[in-house]
Amino acid sequence: MDTIDCFTCKHFYITWEKSFPYGCKALGFKCKGMPSVEVFKASSKECLLHEQKAEGPKRDK
């Protein structure tokens, strides 16, 4: 199983809740693990709402 990387999705966010640190704005839930893994566990299908984040400006180091 090669799950989707939530960190590259524009709907993914980090919460302030210790018990549910990750969330998905598109699906409207928070969870302990990566949302894409939770979606796969519940439906046996990859997340269909994953959208690649837009590239931000390049930073000079």
N, C-alpha and C. Protein backbone atom coordinates (compact mmCIF):
# COMPACT_ATOMS: atom_id res chain seq x y z
N MET A 1 0.85 -1.18 0.00
CA MET A 1 0.00 0.00 0.00
C MET A 1 0.89 1.24 0.00
N ASP A 2 0.71 2.10 -0.97
CA ASP A 2 1.47 3.34 -1.06
C ASP A 2 0.48 4.49 -0.85
N THR A 3 0.36 4.94 0.40
CA THR A 3 -0.64 5.95 0.73
C THR A 3 -0.25 7.34 0.26
N ILE A 4 -1.22 8.18 0.16
CA ILE A 4 -1.03 9.57 -0.24
C ILE A 4 -0.36 10.33 0.89
N ASP A 5 0.55 11.23 0.54
CA ASP A 5 1.25 12.04 1.53
C ASP A 5 0.41 13.27 1.85
N CYS A 6 -0.19 13.30 3.03
CA CYS A 6 -1.05 14.42 3.43
C CYS A 6 -0.30 15.74 3.51
N PHE A 7 0.99 15.69 3.80
CA PHE A 7 1.76 16.92 3.92
C PHE A 7 1.81 17.70 2.60
N THR A 8 1.53 17.05 1.48
CA THR A 8 1.53 17.72 0.19
C THR A 8 0.13 18.18 -0.24
N CYS A 9 -0.87 17.95 0.60
CA CYS A 9 -2.25 18.28 0.27
C CYS A 9 -2.67 19.63 0.85
N LYS A 10 -3.40 20.40 0.07
CA LYS A 10 -3.82 21.72 0.53
C LYS A 10 -4.92 21.65 1.60
N HIS A 11 -5.54 20.51 1.79
CA HIS A 11 -6.61 20.36 2.79
C HIS A 11 -6.08 19.91 4.16
N PHE A 12 -4.84 19.48 4.21
CA PHE A 12 -4.24 18.97 5.44
C PHE A 12 -3.86 20.11 6.37
N TYR A 13 -4.06 19.90 7.68
CA TYR A 13 -3.61 20.89 8.66
C TYR A 13 -3.24 20.23 9.97
N ILE A 14 -2.45 20.95 10.76
CA ILE A 14 -2.03 20.49 12.08
C ILE A 14 -2.92 21.21 13.09
N THR A 15 -3.51 20.47 14.02
CA THR A 15 -4.38 21.06 15.03
C THR A 15 -3.57 21.37 16.29
N TRP A 16 -4.20 22.00 17.26
CA TRP A 16 -3.60 22.26 18.56
C TRP A 16 -3.99 21.18 19.56
N GLU A 17 -4.81 20.23 19.13
CA GLU A 17 -5.29 19.19 20.03
C GLU A 17 -4.28 18.05 20.14
N LYS A 18 -3.87 17.78 21.36
CA LYS A 18 -2.87 16.73 21.59
C LYS A 18 -3.39 15.35 21.18
N SER A 19 -4.67 15.08 21.43
CA SER A 19 -5.22 13.76 21.13
C SER A 19 -5.57 13.58 19.65
N PHE A 20 -5.77 14.67 18.92
CA PHE A 20 -6.07 14.61 17.49
C PHE A 20 -5.24 15.67 16.77
N PRO A 21 -3.96 15.39 16.53
CA PRO A 21 -3.05 16.41 16.01
C PRO A 21 -3.16 16.73 14.51
N TYR A 22 -3.82 15.89 13.74
CA TYR A 22 -3.89 16.09 12.29
C TYR A 22 -5.34 16.23 11.83
N GLY A 23 -5.56 17.01 10.78
CA GLY A 23 -6.91 17.19 10.29
C GLY A 23 -6.98 17.32 8.78
N CYS A 24 -8.18 17.13 8.27
CA CYS A 24 -8.46 17.29 6.84
C CYS A 24 -9.64 18.24 6.70
N LYS A 25 -9.42 19.38 6.07
CA LYS A 25 -10.48 20.37 5.87
C LYS A 25 -11.52 19.88 4.87
N ALA A 26 -11.09 19.14 3.86
CA ALA A 26 -12.00 18.67 2.81
C ALA A 26 -13.00 17.65 3.37
N LEU A 27 -12.53 16.76 4.22
CA LEU A 27 -13.41 15.73 4.78
C LEU A 27 -13.99 16.12 6.13
N GLY A 28 -13.43 17.17 6.75
CA GLY A 28 -13.98 17.68 7.99
C GLY A 28 -13.78 16.81 9.21
N PHE A 29 -12.57 16.24 9.36
CA PHE A 29 -12.30 15.46 10.56
C PHE A 29 -10.88 15.64 11.04
N LYS A 30 -10.65 15.29 12.31
CA LYS A 30 -9.33 15.30 12.93
C LYS A 30 -9.02 13.89 13.37
N CYS A 31 -7.73 13.53 13.42
CA CYS A 31 -7.38 12.17 13.78
C CYS A 31 -5.98 12.12 14.40
N LYS A 32 -5.65 10.95 14.94
CA LYS A 32 -4.35 10.75 15.57
C LYS A 32 -3.25 10.51 14.54
N GLY A 33 -3.59 9.86 13.45
CA GLY A 33 -2.62 9.55 12.40
C GLY A 33 -2.89 10.39 11.16
N MET A 34 -2.24 10.05 10.08
CA MET A 34 -2.43 10.77 8.83
C MET A 34 -3.86 10.54 8.30
N PRO A 35 -4.54 11.60 7.90
CA PRO A 35 -5.90 11.44 7.37
C PRO A 35 -6.01 10.46 6.20
N SER A 36 -5.03 10.45 5.32
CA SER A 36 -5.10 9.53 4.17
C SER A 36 -5.08 8.07 4.61
N VAL A 37 -4.37 7.79 5.69
CA VAL A 37 -4.33 6.42 6.22
C VAL A 37 -5.69 6.06 6.83
N GLU A 38 -6.29 7.01 7.54
CA GLU A 38 -7.61 6.78 8.14
C GLU A 38 -8.67 6.57 7.07
N VAL A 39 -8.60 7.33 5.98
CA VAL A 39 -9.53 7.16 4.86
C VAL A 39 -9.37 5.77 4.26
N PHE A 40 -8.13 5.33 4.08
CA PHE A 40 -7.88 4.00 3.51
C PHE A 40 -8.40 2.89 4.44
N LYS A 41 -8.18 3.05 5.74
CA LYS A 41 -8.68 2.06 6.71
C LYS A 41 -10.20 1.95 6.66
N ALA A 42 -10.88 3.08 6.53
CA ALA A 42 -12.34 3.10 6.55
C ALA A 42 -12.97 2.64 5.24
N SER A 43 -12.32 2.93 4.11
CA SER A 43 -12.97 2.66 2.83
C SER A 43 -12.23 1.69 1.92
N SER A 44 -10.99 1.34 2.27
CA SER A 44 -10.12 0.51 1.42
C SER A 44 -9.82 1.17 0.08
N LYS A 45 -9.95 2.50 0.03
CA LYS A 45 -9.65 3.26 -1.19
C LYS A 45 -8.76 4.45 -0.83
N GLU A 46 -7.97 4.90 -1.79
CA GLU A 46 -7.13 6.07 -1.59
C GLU A 46 -8.04 7.30 -1.48
N CYS A 47 -7.55 8.34 -0.84
CA CYS A 47 -8.29 9.59 -0.70
C CYS A 47 -8.52 10.20 -2.08
N LEU A 48 -9.76 10.52 -2.39
CA LEU A 48 -10.09 11.09 -3.70
C LEU A 48 -10.09 12.62 -3.68
N LEU A 49 -9.91 13.21 -2.50
CA LEU A 49 -9.96 14.66 -2.39
C LEU A 49 -8.58 15.31 -2.25
N HIS A 50 -7.53 14.52 -2.41
CA HIS A 50 -6.17 15.06 -2.31
C HIS A 50 -5.93 16.06 -3.43
N GLU A 51 -5.47 17.26 -3.05
CA GLU A 51 -5.10 18.29 -4.03
C GLU A 51 -3.72 18.81 -3.67
N GLN A 52 -2.84 18.80 -4.64
CA GLN A 52 -1.47 19.24 -4.43
C GLN A 52 -1.45 20.70 -3.98
N LYS A 53 -0.61 21.00 -2.99
CA LYS A 53 -0.43 22.40 -2.55
C LYS A 53 0.21 23.20 -3.67
N ALA A 54 -0.15 24.46 -3.74
CA ALA A 54 0.49 25.35 -4.70
C ALA A 54 1.91 25.62 -4.23
N GLU A 55 2.82 25.75 -5.16
CA GLU A 55 4.20 26.05 -4.80
C GLU A 55 4.29 27.45 -4.23
N GLY A 56 4.94 27.56 -3.09
CA GLY A 56 5.14 28.86 -2.48
C GLY A 56 6.37 29.54 -3.03
N PRO A 57 6.61 30.76 -2.61
CA PRO A 57 7.81 31.46 -3.08
C PRO A 57 9.07 30.79 -2.55
N LYS A 58 10.11 30.81 -3.34
CA LYS A 58 11.40 30.24 -2.94
C LYS A 58 12.06 31.17 -1.94
N ARG A 59 12.65 30.60 -0.90
CA ARG A 59 13.33 31.39 0.10
C ARG A 59 14.83 31.36 -0.14
N ASP A 60 15.48 32.49 0.05
CA ASP A 60 16.94 32.55 -0.01
C ASP A 60 17.49 32.14 1.34
N LYS A 61 18.52 31.33 1.31
CA LYS A 61 19.10 30.86 2.57
C LYS A 61 20.27 31.69 2.97
